[in-house]
Amino acid sequence: MKKIVALFLALALMLGMTSAFAEGLKVGSFDVAGAGNVELGFGWWGNQVRDAATHDALAYFTENFPNVTFNENSQNWANYWALMTTYASDNSLPDLMQQDYAYLEQWVEAGDLLDLTPYIESGALDVSGISENILNTAKVGDGIYAICAGVNAPAMLYNKTLTDELGIEVPSNLTWEKFVEISKEIKEKKGYGVVFGQGNSENSITYFARGLGHQALFEKEGTTLTAEEAAGYYKTMLDGVAEGWMFNTDEIANVNVQDIAQSPMVFGATPDVRTWCSIAFSNQLAAFQAAATADGIELGICSWPSDDPVKSNYMKPGQFFSVTTDSKNPDLAVAVLNYLINDPQANVLLRAERGVPANSEVAAAIAEEVNKIDPTYGVAVDYLAIVQENSSPIFPPLPSYVGTVNADVLQKLSDEALLKTPAYTAEELGAMFVEETNSIAEDY
């Protein structure tokens, strides 16, 4: 209940600022008022904070253009992609959908996303405030198929109230050795553990591979890792469980790692179901802090652990907004996209929750207002400044076979590596990852 009250108080403050930039909305050159009565579909994955912020930004658009309403569809990460894939199969995708850098190329290859280049060239979609490097992250072939909704970076969020109590200083660029040292100390003194590497995401093993000097984990032909290198990744998990400071598979089953409000970093009655940190992204800081504040926890932010944090870390488009080829009103959908990217009031309402706005002018213009309702905005901006100086170029969009690797290989191997009594050695797990990944890539 405390968390719900805190969330509604934050939203009440946010709604009190809707006049901060209350001039004509930036919708580009399209005549929105003359479009007739239209309902646009909008799909995204997110959390309670993102859902409320996105709803308010869309409601503000409707307040200014009552002829346009929205069918909002929010899901968690896993459900979102499953649902959107189903919609794509029967040509019923929403007009606008949130996209992820890793999967953009797959959706373009499937013909589901509209090339925005003609709108950019005509001026209907204004990208003048977005750097060319960020704009080009949505480029596939000769087309631009999405616009960056916010810039972020991998970020380990941690219970700073706890580390301060113990006199532990967490560095901005965190090595794996230091991470293990801190985790052992916290486990010994407070009983809090670590959740790492679980599930069907390539993110943590990609970060590991980059730390070894590989820009990307996956290429068209398969993984860049050798079996010996992959074994090093699985050894970190096996060692963490064996030493008792990393959650094993059974323990992960008893906590909620999908819902931020119930994340073991901010929720749980006893230390055995709590963690001192969460492997996340910088744009998730606001949602995590909203959940943590109700329990009196201040969060800190640093890089994910790596043997070489500078090689591993990268600046990333937080998410993208795309217009789908199923849209019956693409010109209007582009006008809404223009509003979401370029309108200051829209971005006050969005709270920079998806990341620092890609439009640098908007990012600066909204800072004072957003900081009033979300002090983490300044923290995220400061962290991104550190990352920009201590990172390497991002990897290319993932090949289309990676979704199968995530589901059929990474999920299985992470479950095995985190067993209390593992059936495989690190060397065996590393060899399985390379062999099975390359086999899947060969079949595509």
Protein backbone atom coordinates (compact mmCIF):
# COMPACT_ATOMS: atom_id res chain seq x y z
CA MET A 1 0.00 0.00 0.00
CA LYS A 2 2.84 2.43 0.83
CA LYS A 3 4.25 1.99 -2.68
CA ILE A 4 0.88 2.62 -4.32
CA VAL A 5 0.39 5.80 -2.29
CA ALA A 6 3.88 7.01 -3.17
CA LEU A 7 3.26 6.37 -6.85
CA PHE A 8 -0.02 8.30 -6.86
CA LEU A 9 1.57 11.24 -5.03
CA ALA A 10 4.27 11.37 -7.71
CA LEU A 11 1.66 11.27 -10.44
CA ALA A 12 -0.35 14.03 -8.78
CA LEU A 13 2.73 16.24 -8.80
CA MET A 14 3.32 15.40 -12.44
CA LEU A 15 -0.21 16.30 -13.48
CA GLY A 16 0.19 19.66 -11.78
CA MET A 17 2.83 20.58 -14.36
CA THR A 18 0.88 20.08 -17.55
CA SER A 19 0.98 23.79 -18.33
CA ALA A 20 4.77 24.09 -18.27
CA PHE A 21 5.04 24.11 -22.07
CA ALA A 22 1.34 24.52 -22.98
CA GLU A 23 1.63 25.96 -26.46
CA GLY A 24 0.80 24.27 -29.75
CA LEU A 25 1.92 20.67 -29.79
CA LYS A 26 4.81 19.74 -32.05
CA VAL A 27 3.10 17.40 -34.48
CA GLY A 28 5.00 18.23 -37.65
CA SER A 29 3.27 19.32 -40.83
CA PHE A 30 0.27 16.96 -40.70
CA ASP A 31 -3.19 18.45 -40.08
CA VAL A 32 -4.14 16.40 -37.02
CA ALA A 33 -7.36 18.32 -36.34
CA GLY A 34 -8.56 17.63 -39.87
CA ALA A 35 -7.90 13.88 -39.71
CA GLY A 36 -11.39 13.02 -38.53
CA ASN A 37 -12.20 10.83 -35.55
CA VAL A 38 -9.48 8.22 -35.29
CA GLU A 39 -8.39 5.70 -32.67
CA LEU A 40 -4.72 4.81 -32.86
CA GLY A 41 -3.25 1.69 -31.31
CA PHE A 42 -0.11 2.09 -29.20
CA GLY A 43 1.82 -0.86 -27.76
CA TRP A 44 4.73 -0.89 -25.32
CA TRP A 45 6.36 -2.97 -22.61
CA GLY A 46 7.01 -1.39 -19.27
CA ASN A 47 6.06 -1.01 -15.63
CA GLN A 48 3.62 0.97 -13.49
CA VAL A 49 5.61 4.20 -13.76
CA ARG A 50 6.02 3.92 -17.54
CA ASP A 51 2.39 2.95 -18.01
CA ALA A 52 1.13 5.99 -16.10
CA ALA A 53 3.57 8.38 -17.78
CA THR A 54 2.75 7.13 -21.29
CA HIS A 55 -0.98 7.29 -20.60
CA ASP A 56 -0.66 10.91 -19.45
CA ALA A 57 1.33 11.92 -22.53
CA LEU A 58 -1.26 10.33 -24.83
CA ALA A 59 -4.15 11.84 -22.83
CA TYR A 60 -2.55 15.27 -23.22
CA PHE A 61 -2.45 14.74 -26.97
CA THR A 62 -6.17 13.87 -26.95
CA GLU A 63 -6.88 16.90 -24.76
CA ASN A 64 -5.43 19.07 -27.52
CA PHE A 65 -6.86 16.99 -30.40
CA PRO A 66 -10.13 15.41 -29.16
CA ASN A 67 -10.63 13.70 -32.51
CA VAL A 68 -7.67 11.39 -31.77
CA THR A 69 -7.91 8.75 -29.06
CA PHE A 70 -5.65 5.81 -28.23
CA ASN A 71 -6.04 2.11 -27.65
CA GLU A 72 -3.23 1.56 -25.15
CA ASN A 73 -1.63 -1.87 -24.82
CA SER A 74 1.03 -2.32 -22.15
CA GLN A 75 2.64 -5.64 -21.28
CA ASN A 76 5.68 -6.90 -19.44
CA TRP A 77 8.74 -7.65 -21.58
CA ALA A 78 8.07 -11.33 -22.28
CA ASN A 79 4.33 -10.97 -22.87
CA TYR A 80 4.82 -7.94 -25.10
CA TRP A 81 6.91 -9.68 -27.73
CA ALA A 82 4.69 -12.76 -27.74
CA LEU A 83 1.58 -10.62 -28.19
CA MET A 84 3.08 -8.38 -30.87
CA THR A 85 4.27 -11.44 -32.79
CA THR A 86 0.72 -12.78 -32.73
CA TYR A 87 -0.62 -9.44 -33.97
CA ALA A 88 1.98 -9.37 -36.73
CA SER A 89 0.94 -12.81 -37.94
CA ASP A 90 -2.58 -11.58 -38.69
CA ASN A 91 -1.62 -8.04 -39.77
CA SER A 92 -3.19 -6.35 -36.74
CA LEU A 93 -0.22 -4.62 -35.12
CA PRO A 94 -0.98 -1.31 -33.35
CA ASP A 95 -0.26 1.86 -35.31
CA LEU A 96 2.71 2.65 -33.07
CA MET A 97 4.81 0.14 -31.18
CA GLN A 98 7.79 0.31 -28.90
CA GLN A 99 10.87 -1.38 -30.32
CA ASP A 100 14.19 -2.57 -28.91
CA TYR A 101 17.58 -2.06 -30.54
CA ALA A 102 18.40 -5.76 -30.34
CA TYR A 103 15.32 -6.85 -32.28
CA LEU A 104 14.77 -3.97 -34.69
CA GLU A 105 16.42 -5.66 -37.66
CA GLN A 106 14.27 -8.77 -37.27
CA TRP A 107 11.06 -6.73 -37.40
CA VAL A 108 12.28 -4.77 -40.42
CA GLU A 109 13.20 -7.98 -42.26
CA ALA A 110 9.69 -9.29 -41.55
CA GLY A 111 8.21 -6.18 -43.22
CA ASP A 112 6.37 -5.00 -40.10
CA LEU A 113 7.87 -1.51 -39.69
CA LEU A 114 7.37 1.58 -41.84
CA ASP A 115 10.40 3.28 -43.38
CA LEU A 116 10.32 6.79 -41.92
CA THR A 117 12.84 8.23 -44.39
CA PRO A 118 10.22 9.93 -46.64
CA TYR A 119 8.70 11.66 -43.60
CA ILE A 120 12.11 12.83 -42.44
CA GLU A 121 12.98 14.13 -45.90
CA SER A 122 9.66 15.98 -46.23
CA GLY A 123 9.96 17.55 -42.77
CA ALA A 124 6.82 15.85 -41.47
CA LEU A 125 9.06 14.12 -38.92
CA ASP A 126 11.56 16.53 -37.37
CA VAL A 127 14.85 14.87 -36.35
CA SER A 128 16.94 18.04 -36.28
CA GLY A 129 17.48 17.77 -32.52
CA ILE A 130 18.78 14.19 -32.65
CA SER A 131 22.44 13.43 -33.28
CA GLU A 132 23.24 11.52 -36.44
CA ASN A 133 24.85 8.70 -34.45
CA ILE A 134 21.69 8.14 -32.40
CA LEU A 135 19.42 8.53 -35.44
CA ASN A 136 21.43 5.94 -37.35
CA THR A 137 20.98 3.32 -34.62
CA ALA A 138 17.54 2.78 -36.19
CA LYS A 139 18.94 2.47 -39.70
CA VAL A 140 18.55 -0.85 -41.48
CA GLY A 141 19.86 -0.83 -45.03
CA ASP A 142 18.97 2.55 -46.48
CA GLY A 143 15.90 3.13 -44.31
CA ILE A 144 15.17 4.60 -40.87
CA TYR A 145 12.55 2.41 -39.22
CA ALA A 146 12.27 3.89 -35.74
CA ILE A 147 13.14 6.93 -33.65
CA CYS A 148 15.04 6.66 -30.39
CA ALA A 149 12.71 7.29 -27.44
CA GLY A 150 15.57 7.86 -25.00
CA VAL A 151 19.26 7.18 -24.51
CA ASN A 152 20.38 4.87 -21.73
CA ALA A 153 23.12 2.43 -20.75
CA PRO A 154 23.54 -0.79 -18.80
CA ALA A 155 23.39 0.12 -15.12
CA MET A 156 23.64 -1.83 -11.91
CA LEU A 157 21.23 -0.29 -9.44
CA TYR A 158 22.03 -0.97 -5.81
CA ASN A 159 20.77 -0.37 -2.29
CA LYS A 160 22.92 2.63 -1.37
CA THR A 161 21.25 2.89 2.01
CA LEU A 162 22.59 -0.59 2.76
CA THR A 163 26.09 -0.04 1.37
CA ASP A 164 26.38 3.29 3.21
CA GLU A 165 25.35 1.59 6.45
CA LEU A 166 28.16 -0.93 5.96
CA GLY A 167 30.68 1.71 4.89
CA ILE A 168 31.03 0.18 1.42
CA GLU A 169 31.88 2.44 -1.50
CA VAL A 170 30.71 1.13 -4.88
CA PRO A 171 32.83 2.51 -7.78
CA SER A 172 31.21 3.91 -10.93
CA ASN A 173 33.12 1.41 -13.08
CA LEU A 174 32.75 -1.89 -11.25
CA THR A 175 35.15 -4.76 -11.85
CA TRP A 176 34.00 -8.34 -11.36
CA GLU A 177 36.60 -8.81 -8.61
CA LYS A 178 35.24 -5.82 -6.66
CA PHE A 179 31.65 -6.96 -7.24
CA VAL A 180 32.41 -10.38 -5.74
CA GLU A 181 34.20 -8.78 -2.79
CA ILE A 182 31.24 -6.49 -2.03
CA SER A 183 28.68 -9.27 -2.54
CA LYS A 184 30.48 -11.60 -0.14
CA GLU A 185 30.70 -8.90 2.53
CA ILE A 186 27.02 -7.99 2.26
CA LYS A 187 25.96 -11.65 2.31
CA GLU A 188 28.05 -12.30 5.40
CA LYS A 189 26.94 -9.22 7.33
CA LYS A 190 23.33 -8.76 6.17
CA GLY A 191 22.27 -11.92 4.35
CA TYR A 192 21.34 -10.19 1.06
CA GLY A 193 22.26 -12.08 -2.12
CA VAL A 194 22.63 -11.44 -5.85
CA VAL A 195 20.51 -12.38 -8.86
CA PHE A 196 22.69 -12.64 -11.97
CA GLY A 197 22.57 -14.30 -15.38
CA GLN A 198 19.16 -15.92 -15.00
CA GLY A 199 16.60 -16.29 -17.75
CA ASN A 200 16.57 -16.02 -21.51
CA SER A 201 18.32 -12.70 -22.11
CA GLU A 202 21.62 -12.30 -23.93
CA ASN A 203 22.42 -9.05 -22.11
CA SER A 204 24.74 -10.26 -19.36
CA ILE A 205 26.74 -12.68 -21.53
CA THR A 206 27.03 -9.99 -24.22
CA TYR A 207 28.49 -7.62 -21.61
CA PHE A 208 30.91 -10.38 -20.58
CA ALA A 209 31.97 -10.99 -24.19
CA ARG A 210 32.58 -7.28 -24.77
CA GLY A 211 34.82 -7.22 -21.70
CA LEU A 212 37.01 -9.80 -23.44
CA GLY A 213 37.35 -7.52 -26.47
CA HIS A 214 34.49 -8.75 -28.67
CA GLN A 215 32.28 -5.88 -29.79
CA ALA A 216 29.34 -8.25 -30.20
CA LEU A 217 28.38 -11.66 -28.84
CA PHE A 218 26.63 -12.73 -32.04
CA GLU A 219 27.57 -12.48 -35.71
CA LYS A 220 25.73 -13.86 -38.70
CA GLU A 221 27.66 -17.15 -38.57
CA GLY A 222 27.29 -17.64 -34.80
CA THR A 223 28.84 -16.55 -31.52
CA THR A 224 32.15 -14.71 -31.30
CA LEU A 225 33.07 -16.55 -28.09
CA THR A 226 35.23 -19.64 -28.03
CA ALA A 227 34.15 -22.51 -25.79
CA GLU A 228 36.94 -21.61 -23.37
CA GLU A 229 35.80 -17.98 -23.20
CA ALA A 230 32.16 -18.96 -22.70
CA ALA A 231 33.25 -21.26 -19.89
CA GLY A 232 34.54 -18.19 -18.06
CA TYR A 233 31.05 -16.70 -18.08
CA TYR A 234 29.42 -19.80 -16.67
CA LYS A 235 32.18 -20.13 -14.08
CA THR A 236 31.15 -16.78 -12.59
CA MET A 237 27.67 -18.21 -11.99
CA LEU A 238 28.82 -21.59 -10.71
CA ASP A 239 31.29 -19.95 -8.32
CA GLY A 240 28.72 -17.43 -7.06
CA VAL A 241 26.22 -20.16 -6.18
CA ALA A 242 28.90 -22.43 -4.66
CA GLU A 243 30.20 -19.57 -2.50
CA GLY A 244 26.67 -18.79 -1.34
CA TRP A 245 26.30 -15.13 -2.32
CA MET A 246 24.47 -15.65 -5.64
CA PHE A 247 20.86 -16.89 -5.77
CA ASN A 248 20.46 -20.43 -7.07
CA THR A 249 17.67 -21.56 -9.38
CA ASP A 250 15.37 -22.56 -6.50
CA GLU A 251 15.82 -19.21 -4.77
CA ILE A 252 15.08 -17.26 -7.97
CA ALA A 253 11.82 -19.18 -8.29
CA ASN A 254 10.74 -17.70 -4.93
CA VAL A 255 11.20 -14.03 -5.89
CA ASN A 256 9.71 -11.80 -8.59
CA VAL A 257 12.40 -10.59 -10.98
CA GLN A 258 9.90 -9.39 -13.62
CA ASP A 259 7.85 -6.84 -11.63
CA ILE A 260 9.97 -3.90 -10.48
CA ALA A 261 7.64 -3.13 -7.56
CA GLN A 262 8.32 -6.63 -6.23
CA SER A 263 11.97 -6.86 -7.21
CA PRO A 264 14.01 -8.53 -4.46
CA MET A 265 16.14 -5.38 -4.28
CA VAL A 266 13.18 -3.33 -3.04
CA PHE A 267 10.70 -5.93 -1.75
CA GLY A 268 10.81 -8.84 0.69
CA ALA A 269 10.27 -9.49 4.36
CA THR A 270 13.53 -11.30 5.11
CA PRO A 271 17.13 -11.12 3.86
CA ASP A 272 16.97 -14.56 2.26
CA VAL A 273 14.60 -13.18 -0.42
CA ARG A 274 16.38 -9.84 -0.83
CA THR A 275 19.24 -8.70 -3.07
CA TRP A 276 21.57 -5.76 -2.65
CA CYS A 277 21.58 -4.90 -6.36
CA SER A 278 19.79 -5.37 -9.66
CA ILE A 279 21.26 -5.75 -13.15
CA ALA A 280 19.21 -3.20 -15.09
CA PHE A 281 19.45 -0.18 -17.43
CA SER A 282 19.74 3.48 -16.50
CA ASN A 283 16.23 4.27 -17.76
CA GLN A 284 14.82 1.90 -15.11
CA LEU A 285 16.20 3.97 -12.25
CA ALA A 286 13.01 6.04 -11.86
CA ALA A 287 10.74 3.00 -11.55
CA PHE A 288 13.08 1.19 -9.17
CA GLN A 289 13.51 4.30 -7.01
CA ALA A 290 9.72 4.84 -6.90
CA ALA A 291 9.38 1.33 -5.49
CA ALA A 292 12.37 1.67 -3.15
CA THR A 293 11.37 5.03 -1.65
CA ALA A 294 8.34 3.52 0.09
CA ASP A 295 10.76 1.39 2.14
CA GLY A 296 13.16 4.24 2.80
CA ILE A 297 15.82 2.98 0.40
CA GLU A 298 18.04 5.29 -1.64
CA LEU A 299 19.47 3.68 -4.75
CA GLY A 300 22.90 4.09 -6.26
CA ILE A 301 23.98 3.46 -9.85
CA CYS A 302 27.15 2.07 -11.43
CA SER A 303 28.26 -0.09 -14.35
CA TRP A 304 27.57 -3.81 -14.52
CA PRO A 305 30.48 -5.88 -13.19
CA SER A 306 33.11 -6.74 -15.79
CA ASP A 307 36.79 -7.56 -15.97
CA ASP A 308 37.02 -4.49 -18.25
CA PRO A 309 34.05 -2.13 -17.66
CA VAL A 310 35.19 0.34 -20.32
CA LYS A 311 35.21 -2.34 -23.03
CA SER A 312 31.92 -3.79 -21.80
CA ASN A 313 29.80 -0.69 -21.33
CA TYR A 314 27.97 1.17 -24.09
CA MET A 315 25.44 3.89 -24.78
CA LYS A 316 22.17 2.43 -26.03
CA PRO A 317 18.92 3.68 -27.50
CA GLY A 318 16.66 3.10 -24.49
CA GLN A 319 13.81 2.05 -26.69
CA PHE A 320 12.49 3.09 -30.06
CA PHE A 321 9.08 4.18 -31.25
CA SER A 322 8.10 2.75 -34.63
CA VAL A 323 5.11 3.09 -36.95
CA THR A 324 3.94 -0.29 -38.20
CA THR A 325 3.05 -1.25 -41.74
CA ASP A 326 -0.34 -2.40 -40.43
CA SER A 327 -1.30 1.19 -39.59
CA LYS A 328 -4.27 2.52 -41.58
CA ASN A 329 -3.33 6.07 -40.57
CA PRO A 330 0.46 6.25 -41.00
CA ASP A 331 0.59 10.04 -41.53
CA LEU A 332 -1.28 10.61 -38.25
CA ALA A 333 0.86 8.03 -36.47
CA VAL A 334 3.99 9.89 -37.62
CA ALA A 335 2.49 13.13 -36.25
CA VAL A 336 2.06 11.44 -32.86
CA LEU A 337 5.62 10.14 -33.10
CA ASN A 338 6.83 13.69 -33.81
CA TYR A 339 4.97 14.85 -30.69
CA LEU A 340 6.51 12.14 -28.50
CA ILE A 341 10.03 12.95 -29.65
CA ASN A 342 9.97 16.74 -30.01
CA ASP A 343 7.28 18.21 -27.77
CA PRO A 344 8.66 19.44 -24.41
CA GLN A 345 5.39 18.94 -22.54
CA ALA A 346 5.05 15.41 -23.87
CA ASN A 347 8.50 14.67 -22.49
CA VAL A 348 7.73 16.24 -19.11
CA LEU A 349 4.81 13.84 -18.90
CA LEU A 350 6.91 10.92 -20.14
CA ARG A 351 9.36 11.79 -17.33
CA ALA A 352 12.38 10.63 -19.38
CA GLU A 353 11.51 7.18 -17.98
CA ARG A 354 12.59 5.48 -21.21
CA GLY A 355 15.92 7.27 -21.02
CA VAL A 356 17.26 10.78 -21.48
CA PRO A 357 15.42 12.22 -24.52
CA ALA A 358 17.29 11.72 -27.79
CA ASN A 359 16.42 15.29 -28.77
CA SER A 360 19.15 17.16 -26.91
CA GLU A 361 17.20 20.43 -26.92
CA VAL A 362 14.21 18.74 -25.32
CA ALA A 363 16.44 16.95 -22.79
CA ALA A 364 17.78 20.31 -21.61
CA ALA A 365 14.42 22.08 -21.73
CA ILE A 366 12.63 19.58 -19.48
CA ALA A 367 15.37 19.11 -16.88
CA GLU A 368 14.01 21.55 -14.30
CA GLU A 369 10.43 20.27 -14.55
CA VAL A 370 11.33 16.58 -14.59
CA ASN A 371 13.69 16.96 -11.64
CA LYS A 372 10.81 18.34 -9.57
CA ILE A 373 8.90 15.09 -9.92
CA ASP A 374 11.79 12.69 -10.46
CA PRO A 375 15.15 13.56 -8.91
CA THR A 376 16.60 10.46 -10.57
CA TYR A 377 16.60 12.29 -13.91
CA GLY A 378 19.69 14.27 -12.92
CA VAL A 379 21.31 11.13 -11.50
CA ALA A 380 20.73 9.29 -14.79
CA VAL A 381 22.11 12.21 -16.83
CA ASP A 382 25.25 12.27 -14.64
CA TYR A 383 25.68 8.51 -14.99
CA LEU A 384 25.35 8.67 -18.77
CA ALA A 385 28.05 11.35 -18.84
CA ILE A 386 30.36 8.90 -17.04
CA VAL A 387 29.45 6.09 -19.43
CA GLN A 388 30.03 8.28 -22.47
CA GLU A 389 33.62 8.79 -21.31
CA ASN A 390 34.10 5.17 -20.19
CA SER A 391 32.54 2.93 -22.82
CA SER A 392 32.96 1.41 -26.26
CA PRO A 393 30.79 1.50 -29.42
CA ILE A 394 27.58 -0.48 -29.17
CA PHE A 395 27.22 -3.82 -30.95
CA PRO A 396 25.20 -4.06 -34.20
CA PRO A 397 21.52 -5.11 -34.05
CA LEU A 398 21.21 -8.82 -33.30
CA PRO A 399 20.89 -11.41 -36.08
CA SER A 400 17.42 -12.93 -36.42
CA TYR A 401 18.44 -16.31 -34.94
CA VAL A 402 19.21 -14.84 -31.52
CA GLY A 403 15.62 -15.11 -30.30
CA THR A 404 15.86 -18.88 -30.71
CA VAL A 405 19.22 -18.95 -28.91
CA ASN A 406 17.74 -17.01 -26.01
CA ALA A 407 14.78 -19.36 -25.66
CA ASP A 408 16.43 -22.68 -26.41
CA VAL A 409 20.02 -22.24 -25.23
CA LEU A 410 20.56 -19.38 -22.78
CA GLN A 411 17.50 -20.16 -20.67
CA LYS A 412 18.48 -23.82 -20.37
CA LEU A 413 22.14 -23.17 -19.60
CA SER A 414 21.45 -20.44 -17.03
CA ASP A 415 19.06 -22.79 -15.22
CA GLU A 416 21.80 -25.43 -15.21
CA ALA A 417 24.57 -23.06 -14.11
CA LEU A 418 22.54 -21.76 -11.16
CA LEU A 419 21.61 -25.16 -9.74
CA LYS A 420 22.60 -25.71 -6.13
CA THR A 421 24.16 -29.01 -7.21
CA PRO A 422 25.22 -28.43 -10.84
CA ALA A 423 25.27 -31.32 -13.28
CA TYR A 424 27.81 -29.70 -15.62
CA THR A 425 31.20 -28.02 -15.32
CA ALA A 426 31.87 -24.53 -16.62
CA GLU A 427 33.83 -26.05 -19.51
CA GLU A 428 30.88 -28.25 -20.48
CA LEU A 429 28.42 -25.36 -20.30
CA GLY A 430 30.72 -23.15 -22.38
CA ALA A 431 31.09 -25.83 -25.05
CA MET A 432 27.31 -26.37 -25.11
CA PHE A 433 26.68 -22.66 -25.57
CA VAL A 434 29.05 -22.34 -28.54
CA GLU A 435 28.03 -25.59 -30.23
CA GLU A 436 24.28 -25.06 -29.90
CA THR A 437 24.41 -21.38 -30.83
CA ASN A 438 26.44 -22.01 -33.96
CA SER A 439 24.15 -24.85 -34.95
CA ILE A 440 21.08 -22.61 -34.71
CA ALA A 441 22.83 -19.84 -36.69
CA GLU A 442 23.73 -22.33 -39.42
CA ASP A 443 20.08 -23.35 -39.80
CA TYR A 444 18.87 -19.76 -40.36
